[in-house]
Amino acid sequence: MPKMKSNRAAKKRFTRTGTGKIRLNHSYKRHILTKKARGRKRKLAKGGLVAAVDMPRVARMIQE
């Protein structure tokens, strides 16, 4: 049986933390920033964590 391949796009977007959670970067922070509020841009700059319901699916995609 062949090895399972990881999803390369997901592998570049998600990383595991030391405790096993999956970290992500927020979207909507690249362009058209003038109409977005200062607080919104500041919150988007910080990373986030994948929701608990999505963890199994993302973990299977990145296969670490």
N, C-alpha and C. Protein backbone atom coordinates (compact mmCIF):
# COMPACT_ATOMS: atom_id res chain seq x y z
N MET A 1 0.84 -1.18 0.00
CA MET A 1 0.00 0.00 0.00
C MET A 1 0.89 1.25 0.00
N PRO A 2 0.63 2.23 -0.89
CA PRO A 2 1.48 3.42 -0.96
C PRO A 2 1.27 4.33 0.25
N LYS A 3 2.27 5.17 0.47
CA LYS A 3 2.18 6.12 1.57
C LYS A 3 1.11 7.18 1.26
N MET A 4 0.52 7.73 2.31
CA MET A 4 -0.44 8.82 2.15
C MET A 4 0.33 10.10 1.86
N LYS A 5 -0.17 10.90 0.94
CA LYS A 5 0.48 12.17 0.63
C LYS A 5 -0.19 13.29 1.41
N SER A 6 0.62 14.22 1.88
CA SER A 6 0.05 15.38 2.57
C SER A 6 -0.39 16.40 1.52
N ASN A 7 -1.32 17.24 1.89
CA ASN A 7 -1.78 18.31 1.01
C ASN A 7 -0.75 19.43 1.09
N ARG A 8 -0.03 19.66 0.02
CA ARG A 8 1.10 20.60 0.05
C ARG A 8 0.65 22.04 0.28
N ALA A 9 -0.52 22.40 -0.24
CA ALA A 9 -1.03 23.75 0.00
C ALA A 9 -1.34 23.95 1.47
N ALA A 10 -1.96 22.95 2.10
CA ALA A 10 -2.29 23.04 3.53
C ALA A 10 -1.02 23.03 4.37
N LYS A 11 -0.03 22.28 3.96
CA LYS A 11 1.23 22.17 4.69
C LYS A 11 1.92 23.54 4.81
N LYS A 12 1.75 24.38 3.78
CA LYS A 12 2.36 25.71 3.79
C LYS A 12 1.56 26.71 4.62
N ARG A 13 0.29 26.42 4.88
CA ARG A 13 -0.58 27.38 5.56
C ARG A 13 -0.80 27.10 7.04
N PHE A 14 -0.59 25.87 7.47
CA PHE A 14 -0.85 25.50 8.86
C PHE A 14 0.42 24.95 9.50
N THR A 15 0.58 25.23 10.79
CA THR A 15 1.71 24.66 11.55
C THR A 15 1.19 24.15 12.88
N ARG A 16 1.86 23.17 13.43
CA ARG A 16 1.48 22.62 14.74
C ARG A 16 2.21 23.39 15.84
N THR A 17 1.53 23.60 16.94
CA THR A 17 2.15 24.23 18.10
C THR A 17 2.79 23.14 18.94
N GLY A 18 3.48 23.54 19.98
CA GLY A 18 4.12 22.56 20.85
C GLY A 18 3.15 21.67 21.59
N THR A 19 1.93 22.19 21.83
CA THR A 19 0.93 21.41 22.56
C THR A 19 0.04 20.58 21.63
N GLY A 20 0.28 20.67 20.31
CA GLY A 20 -0.48 19.85 19.37
C GLY A 20 -1.62 20.56 18.68
N LYS A 21 -1.86 21.82 19.03
CA LYS A 21 -2.91 22.58 18.34
C LYS A 21 -2.38 23.00 16.96
N ILE A 22 -3.27 23.46 16.09
CA ILE A 22 -2.86 23.85 14.75
C ILE A 22 -3.06 25.35 14.59
N ARG A 23 -1.99 26.03 14.24
CA ARG A 23 -1.99 27.48 14.10
C ARG A 23 -2.22 27.86 12.63
N LEU A 24 -2.90 29.01 12.42
CA LEU A 24 -3.14 29.50 11.07
C LEU A 24 -2.91 30.99 11.02
N ASN A 25 -2.73 31.52 9.82
CA ASN A 25 -2.65 32.96 9.61
C ASN A 25 -3.97 33.43 9.02
N HIS A 26 -4.44 34.60 9.47
CA HIS A 26 -5.71 35.12 8.99
C HIS A 26 -5.58 35.63 7.56
N SER A 27 -6.66 35.57 6.83
CA SER A 27 -6.70 36.11 5.47
C SER A 27 -7.23 37.56 5.51
N TYR A 28 -7.34 38.18 4.37
CA TYR A 28 -7.85 39.57 4.20
C TYR A 28 -6.91 40.61 4.76
N LYS A 29 -5.61 40.39 4.71
CA LYS A 29 -4.66 41.38 5.22
C LYS A 29 -3.64 41.77 4.14
N ARG A 30 -3.92 41.50 2.86
CA ARG A 30 -2.95 41.73 1.81
C ARG A 30 -3.13 43.06 1.08
N HIS A 31 -4.35 43.41 0.69
CA HIS A 31 -4.56 44.62 -0.09
C HIS A 31 -5.95 45.18 0.22
N ILE A 32 -6.24 46.36 -0.33
CA ILE A 32 -7.47 47.11 -0.05
C ILE A 32 -7.61 47.30 1.47
N LEU A 33 -6.56 47.85 2.07
CA LEU A 33 -6.53 48.00 3.52
C LEU A 33 -7.07 49.35 3.99
N THR A 34 -7.28 50.28 3.05
CA THR A 34 -7.71 51.62 3.47
C THR A 34 -9.11 51.63 4.05
N LYS A 35 -9.98 50.77 3.56
CA LYS A 35 -11.36 50.76 4.05
C LYS A 35 -11.54 49.90 5.30
N LYS A 36 -10.52 49.16 5.69
CA LYS A 36 -10.63 48.30 6.86
C LYS A 36 -10.21 49.08 8.10
N ALA A 37 -10.91 48.84 9.18
CA ALA A 37 -10.64 49.57 10.43
C ALA A 37 -9.28 49.17 11.01
N ARG A 38 -8.71 50.08 11.74
CA ARG A 38 -7.39 49.86 12.32
C ARG A 38 -7.38 48.64 13.23
N GLY A 39 -8.40 48.51 14.07
CA GLY A 39 -8.48 47.37 14.98
C GLY A 39 -8.64 46.06 14.25
N ARG A 40 -9.41 46.09 13.16
CA ARG A 40 -9.60 44.88 12.35
C ARG A 40 -8.29 44.41 11.75
N LYS A 41 -7.51 45.36 11.20
CA LYS A 41 -6.22 45.01 10.61
C LYS A 41 -5.25 44.48 11.66
N ARG A 42 -5.30 45.05 12.85
CA ARG A 42 -4.42 44.62 13.92
C ARG A 42 -4.75 43.19 14.35
N LYS A 43 -6.04 42.87 14.41
CA LYS A 43 -6.45 41.52 14.79
C LYS A 43 -6.12 40.51 13.70
N LEU A 44 -6.21 40.92 12.44
CA LEU A 44 -5.89 40.01 11.35
C LEU A 44 -4.40 39.70 11.28
N ALA A 45 -3.57 40.63 11.77
CA ALA A 45 -2.12 40.43 11.72
C ALA A 45 -1.68 39.29 12.64
N LYS A 46 -2.42 39.10 13.74
CA LYS A 46 -2.07 38.03 14.66
C LYS A 46 -2.56 36.70 14.13
N GLY A 47 -1.87 35.65 14.47
CA GLY A 47 -2.29 34.31 14.07
C GLY A 47 -3.49 33.84 14.87
N GLY A 48 -4.05 32.74 14.45
CA GLY A 48 -5.18 32.16 15.15
C GLY A 48 -5.01 30.66 15.27
N LEU A 49 -5.98 30.01 15.87
CA LEU A 49 -5.96 28.56 16.00
C LEU A 49 -7.13 27.98 15.23
N VAL A 50 -6.94 26.81 14.68
CA VAL A 50 -8.00 26.11 13.96
C VAL A 50 -9.06 25.67 14.96
N ALA A 51 -10.32 25.80 14.59
CA ALA A 51 -11.42 25.41 15.47
C ALA A 51 -11.36 23.91 15.74
N ALA A 52 -11.90 23.51 16.87
CA ALA A 52 -11.85 22.10 17.29
C ALA A 52 -12.55 21.17 16.30
N VAL A 53 -13.64 21.64 15.67
CA VAL A 53 -14.36 20.80 14.73
C VAL A 53 -13.56 20.58 13.44
N ASP A 54 -12.65 21.50 13.10
CA ASP A 54 -11.86 21.39 11.87
C ASP A 54 -10.52 20.70 12.10
N MET A 55 -10.14 20.49 13.36
CA MET A 55 -8.82 19.92 13.67
C MET A 55 -8.55 18.58 13.00
N PRO A 56 -9.46 17.60 13.06
CA PRO A 56 -9.16 16.30 12.45
C PRO A 56 -8.91 16.41 10.94
N ARG A 57 -9.71 17.24 10.28
CA ARG A 57 -9.57 17.37 8.83
C ARG A 57 -8.24 18.03 8.45
N VAL A 58 -7.88 19.11 9.15
CA VAL A 58 -6.63 19.80 8.86
C VAL A 58 -5.44 18.93 9.23
N ALA A 59 -5.54 18.22 10.35
CA ALA A 59 -4.44 17.33 10.77
C ALA A 59 -4.21 16.24 9.73
N ARG A 60 -5.27 15.73 9.14
CA ARG A 60 -5.13 14.71 8.10
C ARG A 60 -4.47 15.29 6.85
N MET A 61 -4.78 16.56 6.55
CA MET A 61 -4.19 17.19 5.37
C MET A 61 -2.70 17.44 5.55
N ILE A 62 -2.29 17.89 6.75
CA ILE A 62 -0.87 18.20 6.92
C ILE A 62 -0.04 17.00 7.36
N GLN A 63 -0.65 15.99 7.93
CA GLN A 63 -0.01 14.71 8.29
C GLN A 63 1.35 14.89 8.93
N GLU A 64 1.39 15.44 10.13
CA GLU A 64 2.65 15.57 10.84
C GLU A 64 2.74 14.54 11.93
